[in-house]
Amino acid sequence: MVSVRIKNLTKRYNDVTAVDSVSLEIEKGELFFLLGPSGCGKTTILRSVAGFCEQDEGEIFFDDRRIDPLPPHERNTGMVFQNYALWPHMTVRQNVQYGLDVRGLASAEKKRRVDEALAMVHMSDQAAKRPNQLSGGQQQRVALARALVINPDVVLLDEPLSNLDAKLRGEMRDEIRRIHDETAITTIYVTHDQKEALSLADRVAVMSVGRVEQIGSPREIYDCPANRFVAEFIGETNLIPGKITSSDPNAVRVATELGDLLSSRSCDLAVGDEVFCSIRPEATRIVGDASVANAFPAKIASHTYLGEANQFVFDAGGVSLRAMSLGESDDTSRGSQVRVGVEPDDIVVLSRS
């Protein structure tokens, strides 16, 4: 296992800065995600680590060894591409074995390693087939086996599940987590899919326009977003504009169109600052007569039954609020008058600047 350290990485394409002085430290054996919308620079970082893209500035280290001056074949990374990149004229076994052929290993050693890699991804019984005889999920398993068979220091995954349907994506997420737990190889995973990142990652770097907005565990990123971009990109949220009227280490009070909202989350903002109150839909609920610090009257604008949950849109004096609930009150028909509440610990106060 190795750690990966990226220091002030910058990559420009003519007048466009794809990666803007990004620094990251990825721990040994970590499953680390680069998450963000298309064009944010995440794949450029991955390709820079692999050696397929030469940065304009910055350094890349595996442990204390600087690797960015090295050609790709000397970095010992295993890459899994979005489009699988399997040789169509080769069998599954030949595709997985290719990296070992290049390295000139003995036949017996190649066979042992390929057998182990195919067994790890549950593809031993498909070894004689060609890629066009496989499903998308099977092809991705082969691509993963090919990356693992060379015993890489780092595995690089470039949106590996984006070409699969929803059911296969769920299955492959479980497989990737299982394989990573078994191998403990340091892995960098690029995706724009928030569910992939939240369900798989040890830590996540959320990116926007070439910069890292926040790094943390999935729970930290979701529960404590650093800014508006992170709050809106990771799941859904209601952003209620307001102004801080009082603040101490244990409570922040914000004047909004809903009335005063009390947050028990600490923040670095001051009285008079214009802010957003970020409230997740699952934290917004019908409270009836229950005592809740932040409660206000609202009308149900819409109610959608989703099987496992109920989705609401509330109209609270002209403010639209989305909510998600596993339960359901007695009267949830459109136009019903209800009382809606949010606990102080579920309100994150974010700067509007």
Protein backbone atom coordinates (compact mmCIF):
# COMPACT_ATOMS: atom_id res chain seq x y z
CA MET A 1 0.00 0.00 0.00
CA VAL A 2 1.13 3.54 -0.73
CA SER A 3 -0.16 6.99 0.09
CA VAL A 4 -0.74 9.52 -2.69
CA ARG A 5 0.16 13.18 -2.27
CA ILE A 6 -0.80 15.76 -4.89
CA LYS A 7 0.78 19.16 -4.37
CA ASN A 8 -0.44 22.33 -6.14
CA LEU A 9 -1.46 20.48 -9.31
CA THR A 10 -2.39 22.81 -12.17
CA LYS A 11 -3.37 21.93 -15.73
CA ARG A 12 -4.33 24.42 -18.43
CA TYR A 13 -5.75 23.89 -21.89
CA ASN A 14 -5.07 27.13 -23.77
CA ASP A 15 -7.03 29.77 -21.81
CA VAL A 16 -8.98 27.23 -19.73
CA THR A 17 -7.63 26.15 -16.33
CA ALA A 18 -8.93 22.60 -15.91
CA VAL A 19 -7.23 22.03 -12.54
CA ASP A 20 -6.36 25.04 -10.41
CA SER A 21 -3.60 24.42 -7.83
CA VAL A 22 -5.21 21.33 -6.26
CA SER A 23 -3.54 19.66 -3.26
CA LEU A 24 -4.71 16.32 -1.89
CA GLU A 25 -3.40 13.74 0.56
CA ILE A 26 -4.80 10.22 0.10
CA GLU A 27 -4.01 7.71 2.81
CA LYS A 28 -2.64 4.20 2.34
CA GLY A 29 -5.40 1.74 1.51
CA GLU A 30 -8.04 4.47 1.21
CA LEU A 31 -10.95 4.43 -1.23
CA PHE A 32 -10.89 8.13 -2.14
CA PHE A 33 -13.46 9.79 -4.40
CA LEU A 34 -13.14 12.80 -6.67
CA LEU A 35 -16.74 13.97 -7.04
CA GLY A 36 -18.11 16.79 -9.13
CA PRO A 37 -20.00 17.82 -12.27
CA SER A 38 -18.66 17.38 -15.78
CA GLY A 39 -15.75 19.70 -16.52
CA CYS A 40 -14.69 20.22 -12.91
CA GLY A 41 -11.22 18.70 -13.42
CA LYS A 42 -11.60 15.36 -11.64
CA THR A 43 -10.66 13.17 -14.63
CA THR A 44 -7.71 15.45 -15.44
CA ILE A 45 -6.36 14.80 -11.94
CA LEU A 46 -6.82 11.05 -12.38
CA ARG A 47 -5.08 11.07 -15.75
CA SER A 48 -2.25 13.15 -14.28
CA VAL A 49 -1.71 10.51 -11.58
CA ALA A 50 -1.72 7.79 -14.26
CA GLY A 51 0.76 9.72 -16.40
CA PHE A 52 -1.59 10.18 -19.37
CA CYS A 53 -1.75 13.94 -18.82
CA GLU A 54 1.26 16.16 -18.12
CA GLN A 55 0.52 18.88 -15.59
CA ASP A 56 1.71 22.47 -16.05
CA GLU A 57 2.57 22.91 -12.37
CA GLY A 58 2.70 20.80 -9.23
CA GLU A 59 4.04 17.48 -8.01
CA ILE A 60 2.67 13.98 -7.42
CA PHE A 61 4.11 11.54 -4.87
CA PHE A 62 3.54 7.88 -4.02
CA ASP A 63 4.67 7.82 -0.40
CA ASP A 64 7.83 9.97 -0.53
CA ARG A 65 8.70 9.02 -4.12
CA ARG A 66 7.94 11.68 -6.72
CA ILE A 67 6.32 9.95 -9.71
CA ASP A 68 5.13 12.73 -12.03
CA PRO A 69 8.43 12.78 -14.03
CA LEU A 70 8.00 9.03 -14.74
CA PRO A 71 6.28 7.60 -17.84
CA PRO A 72 2.98 5.78 -17.22
CA HIS A 73 4.42 2.26 -17.40
CA GLU A 74 6.86 3.01 -14.56
CA ARG A 75 4.21 4.25 -12.09
CA ASN A 76 2.61 0.85 -11.39
CA THR A 77 -0.98 2.07 -11.51
CA GLY A 78 -3.98 0.04 -12.64
CA MET A 79 -6.54 2.03 -14.63
CA VAL A 80 -10.21 1.15 -15.17
CA PHE A 81 -11.69 3.25 -17.95
CA GLN A 82 -15.27 4.43 -18.38
CA ASN A 83 -15.66 2.55 -21.68
CA TYR A 84 -13.90 -0.63 -20.42
CA ALA A 85 -11.19 -0.44 -23.18
CA LEU A 86 -11.04 -4.22 -23.66
CA TRP A 87 -9.32 -5.76 -26.70
CA PRO A 88 -12.22 -7.13 -28.81
CA HIS A 89 -10.09 -9.83 -30.52
CA MET A 90 -8.82 -11.27 -27.22
CA THR A 91 -10.54 -13.58 -24.76
CA VAL A 92 -11.27 -12.55 -21.21
CA ARG A 93 -8.16 -14.40 -20.03
CA GLN A 94 -5.98 -12.77 -22.69
CA ASN A 95 -7.29 -9.31 -21.80
CA VAL A 96 -6.55 -9.79 -18.12
CA GLN A 97 -3.15 -11.30 -18.86
CA TYR A 98 -2.03 -8.51 -21.21
CA GLY A 99 -0.29 -6.40 -18.57
CA LEU A 100 1.64 -9.44 -17.38
CA ASP A 101 2.70 -10.27 -20.95
CA VAL A 102 4.17 -6.78 -21.27
CA ARG A 103 6.07 -7.30 -18.01
CA GLY A 104 7.54 -10.57 -19.27
CA LEU A 105 6.49 -12.80 -16.38
CA ALA A 106 6.91 -16.57 -16.52
CA SER A 107 3.93 -18.57 -17.84
CA ALA A 108 3.20 -20.29 -14.54
CA GLU A 109 3.21 -16.98 -12.65
CA LYS A 110 0.95 -15.37 -15.26
CA LYS A 111 -1.55 -18.22 -15.02
CA ARG A 112 -1.60 -18.05 -11.21
CA ARG A 113 -2.17 -14.31 -11.13
CA VAL A 114 -4.84 -14.35 -13.84
CA ASP A 115 -6.70 -17.18 -12.13
CA GLU A 116 -6.66 -15.24 -8.86
CA ALA A 117 -7.82 -12.00 -10.49
CA LEU A 118 -10.69 -13.70 -12.36
CA ALA A 119 -11.77 -15.48 -9.19
CA MET A 120 -11.74 -12.20 -7.29
CA VAL A 121 -14.21 -10.61 -9.74
CA HIS A 122 -16.25 -13.83 -10.13
CA MET A 123 -15.40 -14.27 -13.81
CA SER A 124 -13.48 -17.57 -13.81
CA ASP A 125 -16.20 -19.36 -15.80
CA GLN A 126 -16.12 -16.67 -18.52
CA ALA A 127 -12.37 -16.82 -19.23
CA ALA A 128 -12.71 -18.22 -22.78
CA LYS A 129 -15.29 -15.68 -23.95
CA ARG A 130 -14.66 -12.49 -25.87
CA PRO A 131 -15.85 -9.05 -24.72
CA ASN A 132 -18.77 -8.90 -27.19
CA GLN A 133 -20.19 -12.03 -25.53
CA LEU A 134 -20.35 -10.34 -22.14
CA SER A 135 -22.80 -7.96 -20.48
CA GLY A 136 -21.72 -4.47 -19.51
CA GLY A 137 -21.31 -5.50 -15.89
CA GLN A 138 -19.19 -8.50 -16.88
CA GLN A 139 -16.98 -6.34 -19.09
CA GLN A 140 -16.42 -3.96 -16.20
CA ARG A 141 -15.42 -6.89 -13.98
CA VAL A 142 -12.86 -7.93 -16.61
CA ALA A 143 -11.49 -4.39 -16.76
CA LEU A 144 -11.19 -4.40 -12.96
CA ALA A 145 -9.41 -7.77 -13.00
CA ARG A 146 -6.97 -6.46 -15.62
CA ALA A 147 -6.16 -3.49 -13.37
CA LEU A 148 -5.66 -5.68 -10.29
CA VAL A 149 -3.64 -8.51 -11.84
CA ILE A 150 -0.44 -6.43 -12.08
CA ASN A 151 -0.45 -5.85 -8.31
CA PRO A 152 -0.63 -2.05 -8.69
CA ASP A 153 0.37 0.43 -6.02
CA VAL A 154 -2.70 2.52 -6.87
CA VAL A 155 -5.96 1.67 -8.68
CA LEU A 156 -7.56 4.48 -10.70
CA LEU A 157 -11.28 4.25 -11.58
CA ASP A 158 -12.65 6.70 -14.15
CA GLU A 159 -16.47 6.72 -13.82
CA PRO A 160 -16.51 2.92 -14.09
CA LEU A 161 -20.27 2.48 -13.62
CA SER A 162 -21.65 5.27 -15.81
CA ASN A 163 -22.45 2.94 -18.74
CA LEU A 164 -24.43 0.46 -16.62
CA ASP A 165 -28.14 0.43 -15.85
CA ALA A 166 -29.37 1.23 -12.34
CA LYS A 167 -29.57 -2.40 -11.15
CA LEU A 168 -26.08 -3.25 -12.41
CA ARG A 169 -24.66 -0.06 -10.90
CA GLY A 170 -25.94 -1.13 -7.50
CA GLU A 171 -24.45 -4.61 -7.88
CA MET A 172 -21.08 -3.30 -9.06
CA ARG A 173 -20.92 -0.78 -6.20
CA ASP A 174 -21.11 -3.70 -3.80
CA GLU A 175 -18.47 -5.59 -5.77
CA ILE A 176 -16.04 -2.68 -5.84
CA ARG A 177 -16.41 -2.18 -2.10
CA ARG A 178 -15.87 -5.91 -1.49
CA ILE A 179 -12.79 -6.09 -3.73
CA HIS A 180 -11.29 -2.98 -2.17
CA ASP A 181 -11.82 -4.39 1.31
CA GLU A 182 -10.12 -7.64 0.25
CA THR A 183 -7.12 -6.04 -1.48
CA ALA A 184 -6.70 -2.84 0.59
CA ILE A 185 -5.12 -1.16 -2.46
CA THR A 186 -5.10 2.64 -2.43
CA THR A 187 -7.86 3.60 -4.87
CA ILE A 188 -8.86 6.90 -6.48
CA TYR A 189 -12.37 6.85 -7.93
CA VAL A 190 -13.79 9.58 -10.20
CA THR A 191 -17.55 10.05 -10.48
CA HIS A 192 -20.32 12.62 -10.82
CA ASP A 193 -22.77 10.29 -9.07
CA GLN A 194 -23.40 11.39 -5.49
CA LYS A 195 -24.90 8.04 -4.48
CA GLU A 196 -21.76 6.20 -5.57
CA ALA A 197 -19.61 8.52 -3.50
CA LEU A 198 -21.84 8.49 -0.42
CA SER A 199 -22.23 4.70 -0.42
CA LEU A 200 -18.64 3.69 -1.22
CA ALA A 201 -16.07 6.31 -0.26
CA ASP A 202 -13.86 6.47 2.79
CA ARG A 203 -13.40 10.17 1.99
CA VAL A 204 -14.62 12.49 -0.76
CA ALA A 205 -13.18 15.59 -2.43
CA VAL A 206 -16.02 17.65 -3.91
CA MET A 207 -14.81 19.65 -6.91
CA SER A 208 -16.09 22.61 -8.92
CA VAL A 209 -14.44 24.47 -11.83
CA GLY A 210 -11.01 23.01 -11.19
CA ARG A 211 -10.93 23.52 -7.43
CA VAL A 212 -11.64 21.41 -4.35
CA GLU A 213 -14.61 22.80 -2.43
CA GLN A 214 -14.54 20.37 0.50
CA ILE A 215 -12.86 17.15 1.65
CA GLY A 216 -14.33 14.83 4.24
CA SER A 217 -16.15 11.59 4.95
CA PRO A 218 -19.48 11.08 3.15
CA ARG A 219 -21.36 11.89 6.35
CA GLU A 220 -19.32 15.05 6.96
CA ILE A 221 -19.89 16.24 3.40
CA TYR A 222 -23.62 15.58 3.55
CA ASP A 223 -24.35 16.77 7.09
CA CYS A 224 -21.91 19.71 7.22
CA PRO A 225 -21.51 21.18 3.71
CA ALA A 226 -18.88 23.92 3.54
CA ASN A 227 -20.79 26.15 1.13
CA ARG A 228 -23.83 26.48 -1.09
CA PHE A 229 -22.30 24.51 -3.97
CA VAL A 230 -21.61 21.46 -1.80
CA ALA A 231 -25.03 21.65 -0.11
CA GLU A 232 -26.84 21.69 -3.46
CA PHE A 233 -24.60 19.20 -5.27
CA ILE A 234 -24.66 16.51 -2.57
CA GLY A 235 -28.29 15.46 -2.46
CA GLU A 236 -31.15 17.94 -2.23
CA THR A 237 -31.53 20.86 0.12
CA ASN A 238 -33.80 23.81 0.83
CA LEU A 239 -31.88 27.10 0.88
CA ILE A 240 -33.73 29.76 2.86
CA PRO A 241 -32.19 33.26 2.62
CA GLY A 242 -31.93 35.32 5.77
CA LYS A 243 -29.77 37.48 8.04
CA ILE A 244 -28.09 36.53 11.31
CA THR A 245 -29.67 38.41 14.23
CA SER A 246 -27.80 36.73 17.08
CA SER A 247 -24.93 34.29 17.40
CA ASP A 248 -23.05 32.44 20.15
CA PRO A 249 -21.10 29.14 20.20
CA ASN A 250 -24.27 27.12 20.83
CA ALA A 251 -26.92 28.85 18.73
CA VAL A 252 -27.37 31.04 15.67
CA ARG A 253 -30.63 32.87 15.07
CA VAL A 254 -31.54 33.86 11.50
CA ALA A 255 -34.38 36.15 10.42
CA THR A 256 -36.07 34.66 7.31
CA GLU A 257 -39.36 34.84 5.45
CA LEU A 258 -40.45 31.82 7.50
CA GLY A 259 -39.77 33.75 10.70
CA ASP A 260 -36.77 33.35 12.99
CA LEU A 261 -34.92 30.06 12.50
CA LEU A 262 -32.68 28.74 15.25
CA SER A 263 -29.63 26.61 14.41
CA SER A 264 -27.54 24.81 16.99
CA ARG A 265 -24.69 24.36 14.49
CA SER A 266 -21.64 26.53 15.12
CA CYS A 267 -20.47 28.79 12.29
CA ASP A 268 -17.85 31.48 11.69
CA LEU A 269 -20.36 34.11 10.57
CA ALA A 270 -21.33 37.28 12.43
CA VAL A 271 -24.48 39.18 13.35
CA GLY A 272 -25.73 41.06 10.28
CA ASP A 273 -24.25 38.62 7.75
CA GLU A 274 -26.54 37.57 4.92
CA VAL A 275 -26.79 33.79 4.86
CA PHE A 276 -28.67 30.74 3.64
CA CYS A 277 -30.23 28.25 6.00
CA SER A 278 -29.64 24.84 4.41
CA ILE A 279 -32.33 22.31 5.40
CA ARG A 280 -32.35 18.78 3.97
CA PRO A 281 -35.76 17.48 2.78
CA GLU A 282 -35.70 14.56 5.24
CA ALA A 283 -35.24 17.06 8.12
CA THR A 284 -38.40 18.97 7.09
CA ARG A 285 -41.45 17.24 8.54
CA ILE A 286 -45.07 17.64 9.54
CA VAL A 287 -45.06 18.06 13.33
CA GLY A 288 -48.72 18.59 14.22
CA ASP A 289 -48.90 19.92 17.78
CA ALA A 290 -45.45 18.64 18.76
CA SER A 291 -43.08 21.11 20.38
CA VAL A 292 -40.34 21.98 17.87
CA ALA A 293 -38.02 24.99 18.06
CA ASN A 294 -38.50 25.88 14.38
CA ALA A 295 -42.16 25.42 13.44
CA PHE A 296 -44.42 27.31 11.05
CA PRO A 297 -47.75 26.91 9.24
CA ALA A 298 -47.71 25.64 5.66
CA LYS A 299 -49.94 24.27 2.94
CA ILE A 300 -49.26 21.03 1.08
CA ALA A 301 -48.62 22.07 -2.52
CA SER A 302 -47.96 18.51 -3.68
CA HIS A 303 -47.61 15.01 -2.27
CA THR A 304 -46.02 12.14 -4.17
CA TYR A 305 -46.05 8.56 -2.89
CA LEU A 306 -42.76 6.84 -3.79
CA GLY A 307 -43.30 3.49 -2.12
CA GLU A 308 -40.48 3.64 0.38
CA ALA A 309 -41.12 7.32 1.18
CA ASN A 310 -43.46 10.27 0.75
CA GLN A 311 -42.28 13.37 -1.08
CA PHE A 312 -43.88 16.70 -0.23
CA VAL A 313 -43.66 20.27 -1.41
CA PHE A 314 -44.91 22.76 1.18
CA ASP A 315 -45.94 26.36 0.56
CA ALA A 316 -44.99 28.30 3.68
CA GLY A 317 -46.13 31.87 3.10
CA GLY A 318 -44.74 31.94 -0.43
CA VAL A 319 -41.60 29.96 0.44
CA SER A 320 -41.42 26.55 -1.27
CA LEU A 321 -39.97 23.72 0.84
CA ARG A 322 -39.24 20.17 -0.28
CA ALA A 323 -39.62 17.36 2.25
CA MET A 324 -39.10 13.59 2.31
CA SER A 325 -40.77 11.44 4.95
CA LEU A 326 -40.88 7.71 5.70
CA GLY A 327 -44.10 8.24 7.61
CA GLU A 328 -47.32 9.99 6.70
CA SER A 329 -49.72 12.21 8.65
CA ASP A 330 -53.50 11.70 8.71
CA ASP A 331 -54.21 14.34 6.08
CA THR A 332 -51.65 14.71 3.29
CA SER A 333 -53.93 15.75 0.46
CA ARG A 334 -53.02 18.72 -1.70
CA GLY A 335 -54.13 22.00 -0.14
CA SER A 336 -54.18 20.67 3.44
CA GLN A 337 -53.04 23.09 6.11
CA VAL A 338 -50.31 21.60 8.31
CA ARG A 339 -47.62 22.62 10.74
CA VAL A 340 -44.05 21.99 9.60
CA GLY A 341 -40.98 21.85 11.81
CA VAL A 342 -37.19 21.52 11.68
CA GLU A 343 -34.90 20.68 14.59
CA PRO A 344 -32.14 23.26 15.30
CA ASP A 345 -29.42 20.64 14.72
CA ASP A 346 -30.72 20.08 11.18
CA ILE A 347 -30.16 23.67 10.03
CA VAL A 348 -26.75 24.51 8.54
CA VAL A 349 -26.04 28.25 8.20
CA LEU A 350 -24.02 29.08 5.07
CA SER A 351 -22.58 32.34 3.83
CA ARG A 352 -24.29 33.94 0.83
CA SER A 353 -21.02 35.44 -0.40
